[in-house]
């Protein structure tokens, strides 16, 4: 319902912020990761996720869309609520969460306060395929996500090429030239597909 809020930062705490948007102050729960990335300027934009319960409407805010998507994936797991997902994103960076799930690193997930052995196994079991599908194996194994590669893959998929076949070709191109632009990757891939 509310996808983002942009306005003047009125109050900033490690767990929450208040953003004034045209005279209305929005109380937004945040992770420590988001807190550390908040700009020092007054004008901020947070991508939000609204949770509606019988007794409350709770907004969670994130500086990047990717962190919000990981939050949404985490709360989709049975036994992981919004507060545990926020704690996980406070203890680990979004990239560490993605890496831990993709590499079956149950110990890292279990190191987060409030997550036991069964819940950490369920997180890995439920989310591994989704994480690999969204972020791909090669970006996880190198430890960095290559946005140029992902954009090129999306473009090739839009052009009608099969994703698995495109991934192999694009991976080879990126391996040769890690600094390749999106256009360069697409041009090379079209020659090889």
Protein backbone atom coordinates (compact mmCIF):
# COMPACT_ATOMS: atom_id res chain seq x y z
CA UNK A 1 0.00 0.00 0.00
CA UNK A 2 2.72 2.51 0.95
CA UNK A 3 5.77 1.71 -1.17
CA UNK A 4 8.05 4.60 -0.19
CA UNK A 5 8.11 7.77 1.86
CA UNK A 6 10.14 10.83 0.99
CA UNK A 7 10.38 13.81 3.26
CA UNK A 8 12.25 15.65 5.97
CA UNK A 9 14.03 13.55 8.59
CA UNK A 10 12.70 14.81 11.93
CA UNK A 11 14.00 12.16 14.32
CA UNK A 12 16.68 9.48 13.89
CA UNK A 13 17.21 6.57 16.28
CA UNK A 14 19.03 3.24 15.72
CA UNK A 15 15.70 1.37 15.53
CA UNK A 16 13.31 3.96 14.10
CA UNK A 17 12.96 7.29 12.34
CA UNK A 18 10.26 9.91 11.97
CA UNK A 19 9.86 11.43 8.51
CA UNK A 20 7.75 14.53 8.01
CA UNK A 21 5.96 14.26 4.68
CA UNK A 22 3.85 17.34 3.95
CA UNK A 23 3.03 17.93 7.59
CA UNK A 24 2.37 14.27 8.50
CA UNK A 25 5.01 12.53 10.63
CA UNK A 26 5.51 8.86 9.76
CA UNK A 27 7.05 6.61 12.42
CA UNK A 28 9.10 4.00 10.54
CA UNK A 29 10.94 1.02 12.05
CA UNK A 30 14.39 0.50 10.55
CA UNK A 31 17.29 -1.95 10.79
CA UNK A 32 20.75 -0.94 11.98
CA UNK A 33 21.95 -1.40 8.40
CA UNK A 34 19.46 1.22 7.20
CA UNK A 35 20.38 3.47 10.14
CA UNK A 36 24.04 3.37 9.14
CA UNK A 37 23.18 4.22 5.51
CA UNK A 38 20.81 7.10 6.22
CA UNK A 39 22.14 10.32 4.71
CA UNK A 40 23.02 13.23 6.95
CA UNK A 41 20.85 15.53 4.85
CA UNK A 42 17.35 16.40 6.00
CA UNK A 43 15.60 15.09 2.89
CA UNK A 44 15.42 11.28 2.83
CA UNK A 45 13.61 8.56 0.93
CA UNK A 46 12.87 5.17 2.45
CA UNK A 47 11.35 2.19 0.68
CA UNK A 48 8.68 0.81 2.98
CA UNK A 49 6.77 -2.31 3.84
CA UNK A 50 3.46 -1.94 5.69
CA UNK A 51 2.30 -4.67 8.05
CA UNK A 52 -1.36 -4.50 9.02
CA UNK A 53 -2.41 -6.24 12.22
CA UNK A 54 -5.62 -6.12 14.22
CA UNK A 55 -4.12 -3.71 16.72
CA UNK A 56 -1.62 -1.74 14.60
CA UNK A 57 -0.32 -0.63 11.22
CA UNK A 58 3.48 -0.91 11.31
CA UNK A 59 5.81 0.61 8.73
CA UNK A 60 9.30 -0.78 8.11
CA UNK A 61 11.72 1.31 6.08
CA UNK A 62 14.84 0.51 4.05
CA UNK A 63 17.35 2.67 2.18
CA UNK A 64 17.50 0.21 -0.76
CA UNK A 65 14.85 -1.83 -2.55
CA UNK A 66 17.06 -4.95 -2.31
CA UNK A 67 17.01 -4.84 1.51
CA UNK A 68 13.22 -4.52 1.47
CA UNK A 69 12.95 -7.54 -0.85
CA UNK A 70 15.15 -9.63 1.46
CA UNK A 71 12.98 -8.51 4.41
CA UNK A 72 9.87 -9.64 2.52
CA UNK A 73 11.46 -13.00 1.72
CA UNK A 74 12.41 -13.49 5.38
CA UNK A 75 8.92 -12.74 6.72
CA UNK A 76 7.46 -15.23 4.23
CA UNK A 77 9.17 -18.03 6.18
CA UNK A 78 7.01 -19.68 8.84
CA UNK A 79 8.28 -18.72 12.29
CA UNK A 80 10.06 -15.56 11.13
CA UNK A 81 8.17 -12.41 11.99
CA UNK A 82 8.95 -8.81 11.15
CA UNK A 83 10.93 -8.21 14.34
CA UNK A 84 13.17 -11.26 13.76
CA UNK A 85 13.68 -10.26 10.11
CA UNK A 86 14.64 -6.74 11.23
CA UNK A 87 17.00 -8.17 13.84
CA UNK A 88 18.60 -10.35 11.15
CA UNK A 89 19.09 -7.33 8.88
CA UNK A 90 20.53 -5.42 11.85
CA UNK A 91 23.02 -8.16 12.76
CA UNK A 92 24.03 -9.00 9.19
CA UNK A 93 24.20 -6.92 6.02
CA UNK A 94 21.68 -7.84 3.30
CA UNK A 95 24.55 -9.34 1.27
CA UNK A 96 25.62 -11.51 4.25
CA UNK A 97 22.03 -12.77 4.60
CA UNK A 98 21.90 -13.64 0.88
CA UNK A 99 25.32 -15.35 1.02
CA UNK A 100 24.44 -17.33 4.16
CA UNK A 101 21.19 -18.62 2.66
CA UNK A 102 22.74 -19.44 -0.74
CA UNK A 103 25.68 -21.29 0.83
CA UNK A 104 23.65 -23.23 3.44
CA UNK A 105 25.50 -21.35 6.19
CA UNK A 106 23.08 -22.20 9.01
CA UNK A 107 25.63 -21.17 11.67
CA UNK A 108 25.67 -17.56 10.44
CA UNK A 109 21.87 -17.34 10.43
CA UNK A 110 21.69 -19.01 13.84
CA UNK A 111 24.16 -16.43 15.23
CA UNK A 112 21.35 -13.84 15.06
CA UNK A 113 19.63 -13.31 18.40
CA UNK A 114 16.23 -15.00 18.51
CA UNK A 115 16.87 -17.55 15.77
CA UNK A 116 17.27 -21.18 16.78
CA UNK A 117 18.49 -24.21 14.87
CA UNK A 118 15.09 -25.18 13.43
CA UNK A 119 14.24 -21.66 12.29
CA UNK A 120 17.64 -21.15 10.66
CA UNK A 121 17.27 -24.46 8.79
CA UNK A 122 13.77 -23.46 7.68
CA UNK A 123 15.06 -20.08 6.42
CA UNK A 124 17.70 -21.81 4.27
CA UNK A 125 15.32 -24.53 3.07
CA UNK A 126 12.50 -22.12 2.14
CA UNK A 127 14.59 -19.32 0.62
CA UNK A 128 17.63 -20.91 -1.05
CA UNK A 129 15.93 -21.46 -4.42
CA UNK A 130 14.35 -17.99 -4.39
CA UNK A 131 17.66 -16.33 -3.48
CA UNK A 132 19.56 -18.21 -6.19
CA UNK A 133 16.86 -17.38 -8.74
CA UNK A 134 16.95 -13.65 -7.94
CA UNK A 135 20.65 -13.11 -7.24
CA UNK A 136 22.26 -15.92 -9.24
CA UNK A 137 25.05 -18.24 -8.12
CA UNK A 138 28.01 -16.40 -9.63
CA UNK A 139 27.26 -13.09 -7.89
CA UNK A 140 27.11 -14.92 -4.57
CA UNK A 141 30.28 -16.91 -5.04
CA UNK A 142 32.30 -13.77 -5.78
CA UNK A 143 30.75 -11.98 -2.82
CA UNK A 144 29.60 -8.97 -4.82
CA UNK A 145 26.49 -8.47 -6.87
CA UNK A 146 27.10 -7.35 -10.41
CA UNK A 147 24.25 -5.02 -11.35
CA UNK A 148 25.49 -4.71 -14.94
CA UNK A 149 25.30 -8.47 -15.31
CA UNK A 150 21.80 -8.62 -13.83
CA UNK A 151 20.57 -5.78 -16.05
CA UNK A 152 22.04 -7.47 -19.11
CA UNK A 153 20.38 -10.77 -18.19
CA UNK A 154 17.03 -9.04 -17.75
CA UNK A 155 17.40 -7.36 -21.13
CA UNK A 156 18.28 -10.65 -22.83
CA UNK A 157 15.32 -12.34 -21.16
CA UNK A 158 13.06 -9.56 -22.45
CA UNK A 159 14.46 -10.16 -25.93
CA UNK A 160 13.29 -13.79 -25.66
CA UNK A 161 16.46 -15.66 -24.75
CA UNK A 162 16.36 -18.46 -22.17
CA UNK A 163 17.80 -17.26 -18.84
CA UNK A 164 19.98 -20.34 -18.14
CA UNK A 165 21.59 -20.21 -21.57
CA UNK A 166 22.06 -16.42 -21.28
CA UNK A 167 23.62 -16.76 -17.82
CA UNK A 168 26.38 -19.05 -19.12
CA UNK A 169 27.28 -16.64 -21.92
CA UNK A 170 27.06 -13.53 -19.71
CA UNK A 171 29.13 -15.19 -16.95
CA UNK A 172 31.89 -15.90 -19.48
CA UNK A 173 31.81 -12.27 -20.70
CA UNK A 174 31.93 -10.87 -17.15
CA UNK A 175 34.75 -13.28 -16.25
CA UNK A 176 36.86 -11.88 -19.11
CA UNK A 177 35.99 -8.24 -18.41
CA UNK A 178 34.56 -7.52 -14.94
CA UNK A 179 34.18 -3.80 -15.74
CA UNK A 180 32.06 -4.36 -18.85
CA UNK A 181 29.11 -2.00 -19.27
CA UNK A 182 25.56 -3.30 -19.70
CA UNK A 183 25.58 -2.42 -23.40
CA UNK A 184 28.92 -4.18 -23.90
CA UNK A 185 27.69 -7.34 -22.15
CA UNK A 186 24.50 -7.40 -24.22
CA UNK A 187 26.35 -6.86 -27.53
CA UNK A 188 28.84 -9.64 -26.77
CA UNK A 189 26.07 -11.97 -25.58
CA UNK A 190 24.02 -11.41 -28.74
CA UNK A 191 27.05 -12.44 -30.83
CA UNK A 192 27.45 -15.66 -28.80
CA UNK A 193 23.81 -16.72 -28.43
